[in-house]
N, C-alpha and C. Protein backbone atom coordinates (compact mmCIF):
# COMPACT_ATOMS: atom_id res chain seq x y z
N UNK A 1 -8.58 23.96 -38.36
CA UNK A 1 -8.47 22.57 -37.97
C UNK A 1 -7.11 22.29 -37.33
N UNK A 2 -6.07 22.81 -37.98
CA UNK A 2 -4.72 22.59 -37.45
C UNK A 2 -4.58 23.24 -36.07
N UNK A 3 -5.20 24.40 -35.93
CA UNK A 3 -5.13 25.12 -34.64
C UNK A 3 -5.77 24.29 -33.54
N UNK A 4 -6.92 23.67 -33.83
CA UNK A 4 -7.59 22.84 -32.84
C UNK A 4 -6.73 21.64 -32.44
N UNK A 5 -6.08 21.05 -33.45
CA UNK A 5 -5.22 19.88 -33.17
C UNK A 5 -4.05 20.29 -32.29
N UNK A 6 -3.45 21.44 -32.57
CA UNK A 6 -2.31 21.92 -31.77
C UNK A 6 -2.75 22.18 -30.32
N UNK A 7 -3.94 22.80 -30.17
CA UNK A 7 -4.46 23.09 -28.83
C UNK A 7 -4.71 21.79 -28.05
N UNK A 8 -5.29 20.80 -28.74
CA UNK A 8 -5.54 19.51 -28.09
C UNK A 8 -4.25 18.84 -27.66
N UNK A 9 -3.24 18.89 -28.52
CA UNK A 9 -1.94 18.30 -28.18
C UNK A 9 -1.31 19.00 -26.98
N UNK A 10 -1.45 20.32 -26.93
CA UNK A 10 -0.90 21.08 -25.81
C UNK A 10 -1.62 20.72 -24.51
N UNK A 11 -2.95 20.60 -24.59
CA UNK A 11 -3.72 20.21 -23.40
C UNK A 11 -3.34 18.83 -22.92
N UNK A 12 -3.17 17.91 -23.88
CA UNK A 12 -2.78 16.54 -23.53
C UNK A 12 -1.42 16.52 -22.85
N UNK A 13 -0.48 17.32 -23.36
CA UNK A 13 0.86 17.38 -22.77
C UNK A 13 0.81 17.92 -21.35
N UNK A 14 0.00 18.96 -21.15
CA UNK A 14 -0.12 19.56 -19.81
C UNK A 14 -0.73 18.58 -18.82
N UNK A 15 -1.82 17.91 -19.24
CA UNK A 15 -2.47 16.94 -18.36
C UNK A 15 -1.54 15.80 -18.01
N UNK A 16 -0.79 15.31 -19.00
CA UNK A 16 0.16 14.23 -18.76
C UNK A 16 1.24 14.66 -17.77
N UNK A 17 1.73 15.87 -17.94
CA UNK A 17 2.77 16.38 -17.04
C UNK A 17 2.25 16.52 -15.62
N UNK A 18 1.02 16.99 -15.49
CA UNK A 18 0.43 17.15 -14.16
C UNK A 18 0.30 15.80 -13.47
N UNK A 19 -0.17 14.81 -14.22
CA UNK A 19 -0.32 13.47 -13.65
C UNK A 19 1.03 12.90 -13.25
N UNK A 20 2.06 13.12 -14.05
CA UNK A 20 3.37 12.57 -13.77
C UNK A 20 3.96 13.17 -12.51
N UNK A 21 3.62 14.43 -12.21
CA UNK A 21 4.19 15.11 -11.05
C UNK A 21 3.14 15.36 -9.99
N UNK A 22 2.12 14.54 -9.96
CA UNK A 22 1.05 14.70 -8.99
C UNK A 22 1.61 14.59 -7.58
N UNK A 23 1.53 15.67 -6.77
CA UNK A 23 2.09 15.64 -5.43
C UNK A 23 1.33 14.72 -4.49
N UNK A 24 0.17 14.23 -4.91
CA UNK A 24 -0.64 13.38 -4.05
C UNK A 24 -0.52 11.91 -4.40
N UNK A 25 0.46 11.53 -5.20
CA UNK A 25 0.62 10.13 -5.56
C UNK A 25 2.09 9.75 -5.65
N UNK A 26 2.34 8.46 -5.42
CA UNK A 26 3.70 7.91 -5.54
C UNK A 26 3.59 6.56 -6.24
N UNK A 27 4.55 6.24 -7.08
CA UNK A 27 4.55 5.00 -7.84
C UNK A 27 5.64 4.07 -7.31
N UNK A 28 5.25 2.88 -6.90
CA UNK A 28 6.19 1.84 -6.44
C UNK A 28 6.15 0.70 -7.46
N UNK A 29 7.31 0.38 -8.02
CA UNK A 29 7.37 -0.64 -9.06
C UNK A 29 8.40 -1.69 -8.65
N UNK A 30 7.94 -2.89 -8.35
CA UNK A 30 8.83 -3.98 -7.93
C UNK A 30 9.25 -4.79 -9.14
N UNK A 31 10.54 -4.77 -9.40
CA UNK A 31 11.11 -5.42 -10.57
C UNK A 31 11.87 -6.67 -10.13
N UNK A 32 11.36 -7.85 -10.52
CA UNK A 32 11.97 -9.11 -10.10
C UNK A 32 12.79 -9.70 -11.24
N UNK A 33 14.07 -9.92 -10.97
CA UNK A 33 14.97 -10.52 -11.94
C UNK A 33 15.70 -11.70 -11.31
N UNK A 34 16.33 -12.50 -12.13
CA UNK A 34 17.07 -13.65 -11.61
C UNK A 34 18.30 -13.21 -10.82
N UNK A 35 18.95 -12.15 -11.28
CA UNK A 35 20.19 -11.72 -10.64
C UNK A 35 19.95 -10.77 -9.47
N UNK A 36 19.02 -9.84 -9.64
CA UNK A 36 18.80 -8.82 -8.62
C UNK A 36 17.36 -8.32 -8.67
N UNK A 37 16.82 -8.03 -7.50
CA UNK A 37 15.45 -7.52 -7.40
C UNK A 37 15.50 -6.07 -6.94
N UNK A 38 14.77 -5.21 -7.63
CA UNK A 38 14.85 -3.78 -7.36
C UNK A 38 13.45 -3.19 -7.18
N UNK A 39 13.32 -2.33 -6.18
CA UNK A 39 12.10 -1.55 -6.00
C UNK A 39 12.35 -0.14 -6.51
N UNK A 40 11.61 0.24 -7.54
CA UNK A 40 11.72 1.58 -8.12
C UNK A 40 10.58 2.45 -7.58
N UNK A 41 10.90 3.67 -7.20
CA UNK A 41 9.89 4.59 -6.67
C UNK A 41 9.99 5.92 -7.39
N UNK A 42 8.86 6.41 -7.86
CA UNK A 42 8.79 7.73 -8.50
C UNK A 42 7.74 8.55 -7.77
N UNK A 43 8.09 9.77 -7.44
CA UNK A 43 7.17 10.61 -6.68
C UNK A 43 7.45 12.08 -6.94
N UNK A 44 6.53 12.90 -6.51
CA UNK A 44 6.67 14.34 -6.67
C UNK A 44 7.66 14.89 -5.66
N UNK A 45 8.56 15.76 -6.11
CA UNK A 45 9.51 16.38 -5.21
C UNK A 45 8.77 17.23 -4.16
N UNK A 46 7.72 17.92 -4.59
CA UNK A 46 6.93 18.71 -3.65
C UNK A 46 6.26 17.83 -2.60
N UNK A 47 5.75 16.68 -3.05
CA UNK A 47 5.13 15.75 -2.12
C UNK A 47 6.12 15.23 -1.10
N UNK A 48 7.33 14.92 -1.56
CA UNK A 48 8.38 14.45 -0.66
C UNK A 48 8.75 15.52 0.35
N UNK A 49 8.90 16.75 -0.12
CA UNK A 49 9.24 17.86 0.78
C UNK A 49 8.20 18.03 1.87
N UNK A 50 6.93 18.02 1.47
CA UNK A 50 5.85 18.23 2.43
C UNK A 50 5.81 17.12 3.47
N UNK A 51 5.99 15.87 3.03
CA UNK A 51 5.95 14.74 3.95
C UNK A 51 7.11 14.79 4.94
N UNK A 52 8.30 15.13 4.45
CA UNK A 52 9.47 15.20 5.33
C UNK A 52 9.35 16.34 6.33
N UNK A 53 8.78 17.45 5.90
CA UNK A 53 8.60 18.60 6.81
C UNK A 53 7.67 18.22 7.97
N UNK A 54 6.62 17.47 7.65
CA UNK A 54 5.66 17.07 8.68
C UNK A 54 6.24 15.97 9.56
N UNK A 55 6.98 15.05 8.95
CA UNK A 55 7.53 13.92 9.71
C UNK A 55 8.68 14.37 10.61
N UNK A 56 9.56 15.21 10.07
CA UNK A 56 10.69 15.73 10.86
C UNK A 56 10.39 17.19 11.23
N UNK A 57 9.36 17.37 12.01
CA UNK A 57 8.91 18.74 12.34
C UNK A 57 9.93 19.50 13.19
N UNK A 58 10.86 18.78 13.83
CA UNK A 58 11.85 19.45 14.67
C UNK A 58 13.09 19.87 13.88
N UNK A 59 13.12 19.56 12.59
CA UNK A 59 14.27 19.89 11.76
C UNK A 59 13.90 20.95 10.72
N UNK A 60 14.88 21.77 10.40
CA UNK A 60 14.72 22.72 9.29
C UNK A 60 15.37 22.09 8.06
N UNK A 61 14.55 21.46 7.25
CA UNK A 61 15.08 20.72 6.10
C UNK A 61 15.77 21.62 5.09
N UNK A 62 15.37 22.88 5.07
CA UNK A 62 15.95 23.81 4.09
C UNK A 62 17.42 24.10 4.37
N UNK A 63 17.83 23.89 5.61
CA UNK A 63 19.23 24.15 5.97
C UNK A 63 20.10 22.91 5.87
N UNK A 64 19.47 21.77 5.57
CA UNK A 64 20.25 20.53 5.47
C UNK A 64 21.05 20.50 4.17
N UNK A 65 22.19 19.86 4.23
CA UNK A 65 22.96 19.65 3.01
C UNK A 65 22.25 18.63 2.13
N UNK A 66 22.61 18.56 0.88
CA UNK A 66 21.98 17.62 -0.05
C UNK A 66 22.18 16.18 0.42
N UNK A 67 23.36 15.90 0.96
CA UNK A 67 23.66 14.55 1.46
C UNK A 67 22.77 14.19 2.64
N UNK A 68 22.63 15.11 3.59
CA UNK A 68 21.79 14.84 4.76
C UNK A 68 20.31 14.71 4.37
N UNK A 69 19.89 15.54 3.42
CA UNK A 69 18.50 15.48 2.96
C UNK A 69 18.22 14.11 2.34
N UNK A 70 19.13 13.63 1.51
CA UNK A 70 18.95 12.34 0.86
C UNK A 70 18.89 11.21 1.89
N UNK A 71 19.75 11.30 2.91
CA UNK A 71 19.74 10.27 3.96
C UNK A 71 18.41 10.25 4.70
N UNK A 72 17.88 11.45 4.99
CA UNK A 72 16.59 11.53 5.66
C UNK A 72 15.49 10.93 4.79
N UNK A 73 15.51 11.25 3.50
CA UNK A 73 14.49 10.76 2.58
C UNK A 73 14.55 9.23 2.46
N UNK A 74 15.75 8.69 2.28
CA UNK A 74 15.91 7.24 2.15
C UNK A 74 15.47 6.53 3.43
N UNK A 75 15.87 7.06 4.57
CA UNK A 75 15.48 6.47 5.84
C UNK A 75 13.97 6.51 6.05
N UNK A 76 13.37 7.60 5.65
CA UNK A 76 11.92 7.76 5.78
C UNK A 76 11.18 6.73 4.93
N UNK A 77 11.63 6.53 3.70
CA UNK A 77 10.99 5.55 2.81
C UNK A 77 11.13 4.14 3.38
N UNK A 78 12.33 3.79 3.81
CA UNK A 78 12.58 2.44 4.33
C UNK A 78 11.77 2.15 5.59
N UNK A 79 11.66 3.15 6.45
CA UNK A 79 10.92 2.96 7.71
C UNK A 79 9.42 2.86 7.50
N UNK A 80 8.94 3.32 6.36
CA UNK A 80 7.50 3.36 6.12
C UNK A 80 7.08 2.48 4.95
N UNK A 81 7.87 1.44 4.69
CA UNK A 81 7.54 0.46 3.66
C UNK A 81 7.64 -0.92 4.27
N UNK A 82 6.54 -1.66 4.22
CA UNK A 82 6.52 -3.00 4.82
C UNK A 82 6.01 -4.01 3.80
N UNK A 83 6.84 -5.00 3.49
CA UNK A 83 6.50 -6.01 2.49
C UNK A 83 6.70 -7.40 3.08
N UNK A 84 5.64 -8.20 3.05
CA UNK A 84 5.71 -9.57 3.55
C UNK A 84 5.27 -10.51 2.43
N UNK A 85 6.14 -11.44 2.07
CA UNK A 85 5.86 -12.40 1.00
C UNK A 85 5.90 -13.81 1.56
N UNK A 86 4.82 -14.55 1.35
CA UNK A 86 4.70 -15.92 1.87
C UNK A 86 4.95 -15.95 3.38
N UNK A 87 4.53 -14.89 4.07
CA UNK A 87 4.68 -14.84 5.52
C UNK A 87 6.05 -14.40 6.00
N UNK A 88 6.97 -14.08 5.08
CA UNK A 88 8.33 -13.67 5.44
C UNK A 88 8.53 -12.20 5.09
N UNK A 89 9.04 -11.43 6.05
CA UNK A 89 9.26 -10.00 5.81
C UNK A 89 10.45 -9.80 4.87
N UNK A 90 10.26 -8.98 3.85
CA UNK A 90 11.29 -8.67 2.87
C UNK A 90 11.87 -7.29 3.19
N UNK A 91 13.19 -7.22 3.29
CA UNK A 91 13.84 -5.97 3.67
C UNK A 91 14.32 -5.18 2.46
N UNK A 92 14.30 -3.87 2.60
CA UNK A 92 14.93 -2.99 1.62
C UNK A 92 16.39 -2.83 2.04
N UNK A 93 17.29 -3.10 1.11
CA UNK A 93 18.72 -3.01 1.43
C UNK A 93 19.27 -1.66 0.98
N UNK A 94 20.32 -1.66 0.19
CA UNK A 94 20.93 -0.40 -0.25
C UNK A 94 19.96 0.40 -1.12
N UNK A 95 20.01 1.72 -0.92
CA UNK A 95 19.11 2.57 -1.69
C UNK A 95 19.81 3.79 -2.25
N UNK A 96 19.29 4.29 -3.34
CA UNK A 96 19.82 5.49 -3.96
C UNK A 96 18.69 6.41 -4.34
N UNK A 97 18.97 7.69 -4.39
CA UNK A 97 17.93 8.67 -4.69
C UNK A 97 18.45 9.70 -5.68
N UNK A 98 17.60 10.09 -6.61
CA UNK A 98 17.92 11.12 -7.58
C UNK A 98 16.88 12.23 -7.46
N UNK A 99 17.30 13.36 -6.89
CA UNK A 99 16.38 14.47 -6.70
C UNK A 99 16.18 15.23 -8.01
N UNK A 100 14.98 15.77 -8.17
CA UNK A 100 14.68 16.56 -9.37
C UNK A 100 13.86 17.77 -8.99
N UNK A 101 13.71 18.68 -9.94
CA UNK A 101 12.92 19.88 -9.68
C UNK A 101 11.44 19.54 -9.49
N UNK A 102 10.97 18.56 -10.23
CA UNK A 102 9.56 18.18 -10.15
C UNK A 102 9.38 16.75 -9.67
N UNK A 103 10.19 15.84 -10.18
CA UNK A 103 10.03 14.42 -9.86
C UNK A 103 11.31 13.88 -9.23
N UNK A 104 11.15 13.01 -8.23
CA UNK A 104 12.27 12.37 -7.57
C UNK A 104 12.16 10.86 -7.74
N UNK A 105 13.27 10.21 -8.00
CA UNK A 105 13.30 8.77 -8.20
C UNK A 105 14.19 8.11 -7.16
N UNK A 106 13.74 6.96 -6.65
CA UNK A 106 14.53 6.18 -5.71
C UNK A 106 14.61 4.74 -6.19
N UNK A 107 15.69 4.08 -5.84
CA UNK A 107 15.87 2.67 -6.15
C UNK A 107 16.41 1.96 -4.90
N UNK A 108 15.83 0.81 -4.60
CA UNK A 108 16.30 0.00 -3.48
C UNK A 108 16.53 -1.43 -3.94
N UNK A 109 17.63 -2.00 -3.50
CA UNK A 109 17.85 -3.43 -3.72
C UNK A 109 17.00 -4.19 -2.71
N UNK A 110 16.35 -5.24 -3.17
CA UNK A 110 15.46 -6.02 -2.32
C UNK A 110 16.19 -7.23 -1.76
N UNK A 111 15.88 -7.56 -0.52
CA UNK A 111 16.44 -8.74 0.12
C UNK A 111 16.05 -10.01 -0.66
N UNK A 112 16.58 -11.15 -0.25
CA UNK A 112 16.29 -12.43 -0.90
C UNK A 112 14.78 -12.60 -1.09
N UNK A 113 14.39 -12.92 -2.31
CA UNK A 113 12.97 -12.98 -2.65
C UNK A 113 12.59 -14.40 -3.03
N UNK A 114 11.43 -14.91 -2.58
CA UNK A 114 11.00 -16.27 -2.93
C UNK A 114 10.83 -16.43 -4.44
N UNK A 115 11.11 -17.61 -4.95
CA UNK A 115 10.94 -17.87 -6.38
C UNK A 115 9.46 -17.92 -6.75
N UNK A 116 8.67 -18.44 -5.86
CA UNK A 116 7.23 -18.54 -6.12
C UNK A 116 6.48 -17.75 -5.05
N UNK A 117 5.57 -16.89 -5.49
CA UNK A 117 4.81 -16.06 -4.57
C UNK A 117 3.39 -16.61 -4.42
N UNK A 118 3.03 -16.91 -3.18
CA UNK A 118 1.67 -17.35 -2.88
C UNK A 118 0.84 -16.21 -2.31
N UNK A 119 1.42 -15.51 -1.34
CA UNK A 119 0.73 -14.37 -0.73
C UNK A 119 1.69 -13.19 -0.64
N UNK A 120 1.14 -12.00 -0.69
CA UNK A 120 1.94 -10.78 -0.58
C UNK A 120 1.13 -9.74 0.18
N UNK A 121 1.72 -9.25 1.26
CA UNK A 121 1.09 -8.19 2.05
C UNK A 121 1.98 -6.95 1.97
N UNK A 122 1.43 -5.85 1.55
CA UNK A 122 2.20 -4.62 1.41
C UNK A 122 1.50 -3.49 2.16
N UNK A 123 2.30 -2.76 2.93
CA UNK A 123 1.80 -1.59 3.64
C UNK A 123 2.78 -0.44 3.41
N UNK A 124 2.26 0.69 2.91
CA UNK A 124 3.09 1.85 2.60
C UNK A 124 2.53 3.06 3.35
N UNK A 125 3.14 3.37 4.47
CA UNK A 125 2.69 4.51 5.27
C UNK A 125 3.37 5.81 4.84
N UNK A 126 4.39 5.71 3.99
CA UNK A 126 5.08 6.91 3.53
C UNK A 126 4.12 7.85 2.82
N UNK A 127 4.21 9.12 3.14
CA UNK A 127 3.45 10.20 2.51
C UNK A 127 1.99 10.28 2.94
N UNK A 128 1.57 9.42 3.87
CA UNK A 128 0.17 9.54 4.30
C UNK A 128 -0.03 10.80 5.14
N UNK A 129 1.08 11.46 5.52
CA UNK A 129 0.96 12.77 6.16
C UNK A 129 0.33 13.79 5.22
N UNK A 130 0.53 13.56 3.91
CA UNK A 130 -0.06 14.44 2.90
C UNK A 130 -1.52 14.07 2.67
N UNK A 131 -2.39 15.02 2.82
CA UNK A 131 -3.82 14.77 2.71
C UNK A 131 -4.19 14.22 1.32
N UNK A 132 -5.02 13.16 1.31
CA UNK A 132 -5.53 12.52 0.08
C UNK A 132 -4.42 11.84 -0.73
N UNK A 133 -3.33 11.49 -0.08
CA UNK A 133 -2.25 10.82 -0.81
C UNK A 133 -2.64 9.38 -1.15
N UNK A 134 -2.10 8.87 -2.26
CA UNK A 134 -2.25 7.47 -2.60
C UNK A 134 -0.96 6.95 -3.20
N UNK A 135 -0.68 5.68 -2.95
CA UNK A 135 0.50 5.03 -3.52
C UNK A 135 0.04 3.91 -4.44
N UNK A 136 0.65 3.82 -5.60
CA UNK A 136 0.34 2.76 -6.56
C UNK A 136 1.49 1.75 -6.52
N UNK A 137 1.17 0.52 -6.13
CA UNK A 137 2.18 -0.53 -6.03
C UNK A 137 1.99 -1.52 -7.17
N UNK A 138 3.06 -1.75 -7.94
CA UNK A 138 3.01 -2.68 -9.08
C UNK A 138 4.10 -3.73 -8.95
N UNK A 139 3.77 -4.94 -9.39
CA UNK A 139 4.74 -6.02 -9.42
C UNK A 139 4.56 -6.79 -10.72
N UNK A 140 5.66 -7.13 -11.36
CA UNK A 140 5.62 -7.86 -12.63
C UNK A 140 6.27 -9.22 -12.45
N UNK A 141 5.52 -10.27 -12.77
CA UNK A 141 6.04 -11.64 -12.70
C UNK A 141 5.74 -12.32 -14.03
N UNK A 142 6.77 -12.76 -14.71
CA UNK A 142 6.61 -13.41 -16.03
C UNK A 142 5.76 -12.57 -16.97
N UNK A 143 6.08 -11.28 -17.03
CA UNK A 143 5.40 -10.32 -17.91
C UNK A 143 3.94 -10.10 -17.55
N UNK A 144 3.52 -10.54 -16.37
CA UNK A 144 2.16 -10.29 -15.90
C UNK A 144 2.21 -9.24 -14.79
N UNK A 145 1.53 -8.13 -15.04
CA UNK A 145 1.57 -7.00 -14.11
C UNK A 145 0.36 -7.02 -13.18
N UNK A 146 0.64 -6.89 -11.89
CA UNK A 146 -0.41 -6.74 -10.89
C UNK A 146 -0.25 -5.37 -10.25
N UNK A 147 -1.35 -4.64 -10.13
CA UNK A 147 -1.27 -3.27 -9.63
C UNK A 147 -2.38 -3.01 -8.62
N UNK A 148 -2.01 -2.41 -7.49
CA UNK A 148 -3.00 -2.07 -6.47
C UNK A 148 -2.77 -0.63 -6.01
N UNK A 149 -3.83 -0.02 -5.51
CA UNK A 149 -3.75 1.35 -5.00
C UNK A 149 -3.93 1.32 -3.48
N UNK A 150 -3.01 1.95 -2.79
CA UNK A 150 -3.07 2.04 -1.34
C UNK A 150 -3.41 3.48 -0.96
N UNK A 151 -4.48 3.64 -0.20
CA UNK A 151 -4.91 4.98 0.19
C UNK A 151 -5.55 4.93 1.57
N UNK A 152 -6.17 6.03 1.95
CA UNK A 152 -6.76 6.14 3.28
C UNK A 152 -7.89 5.14 3.47
N UNK A 153 -8.59 4.82 2.39
CA UNK A 153 -9.75 3.92 2.48
C UNK A 153 -9.34 2.51 2.92
N UNK A 154 -8.18 2.03 2.46
CA UNK A 154 -7.72 0.70 2.87
C UNK A 154 -6.58 0.78 3.89
N UNK A 155 -6.45 1.97 4.52
CA UNK A 155 -5.44 2.19 5.56
C UNK A 155 -4.03 1.94 5.04
N UNK A 156 -3.84 2.18 3.74
CA UNK A 156 -2.53 2.10 3.09
C UNK A 156 -1.90 0.70 3.18
N UNK A 157 -2.75 -0.32 3.20
CA UNK A 157 -2.22 -1.69 3.18
C UNK A 157 -3.17 -2.61 2.42
N UNK A 158 -2.59 -3.60 1.75
CA UNK A 158 -3.36 -4.52 0.92
C UNK A 158 -2.77 -5.92 1.08
N UNK A 159 -3.64 -6.92 1.14
CA UNK A 159 -3.23 -8.32 1.20
C UNK A 159 -3.61 -8.99 -0.11
N UNK A 160 -2.64 -9.66 -0.75
CA UNK A 160 -2.86 -10.26 -2.06
C UNK A 160 -2.57 -11.75 -2.04
N UNK A 161 -3.26 -12.46 -2.91
CA UNK A 161 -2.98 -13.87 -3.19
C UNK A 161 -2.64 -13.99 -4.67
N UNK A 162 -1.78 -14.94 -5.00
CA UNK A 162 -1.34 -15.08 -6.39
C UNK A 162 -1.81 -16.40 -6.98
N UNK A 163 -2.33 -16.30 -8.19
CA UNK A 163 -2.73 -17.47 -8.96
C UNK A 163 -2.21 -17.29 -10.37
N UNK A 164 -1.38 -18.21 -10.82
CA UNK A 164 -0.77 -18.12 -12.15
C UNK A 164 -0.02 -16.79 -12.30
N UNK A 165 0.69 -16.42 -11.23
CA UNK A 165 1.52 -15.21 -11.21
C UNK A 165 0.73 -13.91 -11.35
N UNK A 166 -0.57 -13.98 -11.09
CA UNK A 166 -1.42 -12.80 -11.14
C UNK A 166 -2.07 -12.61 -9.77
N UNK A 167 -2.05 -11.37 -9.29
CA UNK A 167 -2.53 -11.09 -7.95
C UNK A 167 -4.03 -10.81 -7.90
N UNK A 168 -4.65 -11.28 -6.82
CA UNK A 168 -6.04 -10.94 -6.52
C UNK A 168 -6.09 -10.59 -5.04
N UNK A 169 -7.08 -9.78 -4.66
CA UNK A 169 -7.23 -9.41 -3.26
C UNK A 169 -7.52 -10.65 -2.43
N UNK A 170 -6.82 -10.76 -1.31
CA UNK A 170 -7.00 -11.92 -0.44
C UNK A 170 -8.37 -11.84 0.23
N UNK A 171 -9.10 -12.95 0.18
CA UNK A 171 -10.41 -13.02 0.80
C UNK A 171 -10.26 -13.31 2.28
N UNK A 172 -11.04 -12.59 3.08
CA UNK A 172 -11.00 -12.81 4.52
C UNK A 172 -11.61 -14.17 4.83
N UNK A 173 -10.85 -14.97 5.59
CA UNK A 173 -11.36 -16.27 5.98
C UNK A 173 -12.31 -16.13 7.16
N UNK A 174 -13.43 -16.85 7.08
CA UNK A 174 -14.42 -16.79 8.14
C UNK A 174 -13.96 -17.63 9.31
N UNK A 175 -14.00 -17.06 10.49
CA UNK A 175 -13.63 -17.78 11.70
C UNK A 175 -14.77 -18.71 12.09
N UNK A 176 -14.51 -20.02 12.07
CA UNK A 176 -15.56 -21.00 12.33
C UNK A 176 -16.08 -20.91 13.76
N UNK A 177 -15.25 -20.44 14.68
CA UNK A 177 -15.70 -20.32 16.07
C UNK A 177 -16.84 -19.32 16.17
N UNK A 178 -16.78 -18.25 15.32
CA UNK A 178 -17.86 -17.27 15.31
C UNK A 178 -19.14 -17.89 14.79
N UNK A 179 -19.01 -18.76 13.79
CA UNK A 179 -20.20 -19.43 13.26
C UNK A 179 -20.84 -20.32 14.32
N UNK A 180 -20.01 -20.95 15.14
CA UNK A 180 -20.53 -21.81 16.20
C UNK A 180 -21.31 -20.99 17.22
N UNK A 181 -20.76 -19.81 17.55
CA UNK A 181 -21.43 -18.92 18.49
C UNK A 181 -22.77 -18.45 17.92
N UNK A 182 -22.77 -18.09 16.62
CA UNK A 182 -24.02 -17.67 15.97
C UNK A 182 -25.05 -18.78 15.98
N UNK A 183 -24.57 -20.03 15.85
CA UNK A 183 -25.49 -21.18 15.88
C UNK A 183 -26.07 -21.37 17.28
N UNK A 184 -25.27 -21.09 18.30
CA UNK A 184 -25.71 -21.31 19.68
C UNK A 184 -26.75 -20.29 20.13
N UNK A 185 -26.70 -19.07 19.57
CA UNK A 185 -27.60 -18.01 20.02
C UNK A 185 -29.07 -18.42 19.93
N UNK A 186 -29.57 -18.87 18.77
CA UNK A 186 -30.98 -19.27 18.70
C UNK A 186 -31.29 -20.47 19.60
N UNK A 187 -30.30 -21.37 19.75
CA UNK A 187 -30.51 -22.54 20.61
C UNK A 187 -30.72 -22.10 22.06
N UNK A 188 -29.89 -21.15 22.49
CA UNK A 188 -30.00 -20.63 23.86
C UNK A 188 -31.34 -19.93 24.06
N UNK A 189 -31.76 -19.14 23.05
CA UNK A 189 -33.03 -18.42 23.15
C UNK A 189 -34.20 -19.38 23.26
N UNK A 190 -34.21 -20.41 22.40
CA UNK A 190 -35.30 -21.39 22.42
C UNK A 190 -35.32 -22.15 23.74
N UNK A 191 -34.14 -22.55 24.22
CA UNK A 191 -34.05 -23.28 25.49
C UNK A 191 -34.53 -22.42 26.65
N UNK A 192 -34.13 -21.15 26.63
CA UNK A 192 -34.55 -20.23 27.69
C UNK A 192 -36.06 -20.05 27.72
N UNK A 193 -36.66 -19.90 26.52
CA UNK A 193 -38.11 -19.76 26.43
C UNK A 193 -38.83 -21.01 26.92
N UNK A 194 -38.25 -22.16 26.59
CA UNK A 194 -38.84 -23.44 27.02
C UNK A 194 -38.82 -23.56 28.54
N UNK A 195 -37.69 -23.16 29.14
CA UNK A 195 -37.57 -23.23 30.61
C UNK A 195 -38.56 -22.30 31.28
N UNK A 196 -38.72 -21.07 30.72
CA UNK A 196 -39.67 -20.12 31.28
C UNK A 196 -41.08 -20.66 31.23
N UNK A 197 -41.47 -21.25 30.09
CA UNK A 197 -42.82 -21.80 29.95
C UNK A 197 -43.05 -22.96 30.91
N UNK A 198 -42.01 -23.78 31.07
CA UNK A 198 -42.12 -24.92 31.98
C UNK A 198 -42.32 -24.44 33.41
N UNK A 199 -41.58 -23.39 33.79
CA UNK A 199 -41.71 -22.83 35.14
C UNK A 199 -43.10 -22.23 35.35
N UNK A 200 -43.62 -21.57 34.30
CA UNK A 200 -44.95 -20.99 34.39
C UNK A 200 -46.00 -22.07 34.58
N UNK A 201 -45.88 -23.14 33.82
CA UNK A 201 -46.85 -24.23 33.91
C UNK A 201 -46.82 -24.87 35.29
N UNK A 202 -45.63 -25.03 35.84
CA UNK A 202 -45.50 -25.62 37.17
C UNK A 202 -46.12 -24.71 38.21
N UNK A 203 -45.95 -23.39 38.04
CA UNK A 203 -46.50 -22.41 38.98
C UNK A 203 -48.02 -22.42 38.95
N UNK A 204 -48.58 -22.48 37.72
CA UNK A 204 -50.03 -22.47 37.55
C UNK A 204 -50.67 -23.75 38.10
N UNK A 205 -49.95 -24.86 37.95
CA UNK A 205 -50.49 -26.12 38.44
C UNK A 205 -50.36 -26.22 39.97
């Protein structure tokens, strides 16, 4: 019995470690505070290496110094992260990176952030060079966590609306002009048929 328990614990530890260092996923965690707002990012070092190699195909990243590598990584993340809140683009300011053998962590200070969030549009193109990659974006407001997954299926972008500090997917608004056109189609068909019949009747008479 004890042996089975030990084996199960070992399997659980291995599975947890694999998930934590999954090269096909990245975790974005937006932390909102009164004094400072920070975007925390955790990702696989292997995933970062592969994405940078594909993005900077003209560079030999292995020959770069640690400082140059970090600058490339930070620039790549900033250039491929787009956040719009209440229709206003939010910028990533100063950033820091901590490289690891398996997992790499980044932190960015966020530009001025609205006190109340009505809509939030996020697009994360970073790492989409890696096949089957997905990014998990989380935001916590008043201890309420909203989490979305950005992947190839949604083109790595999501539009959210907030109600009581909790996010829901934004519903596409129907363009009323299209409804008017759809209404006109049967009217035009009926009118056209009426004109044809009238012309036929006049010809026969």
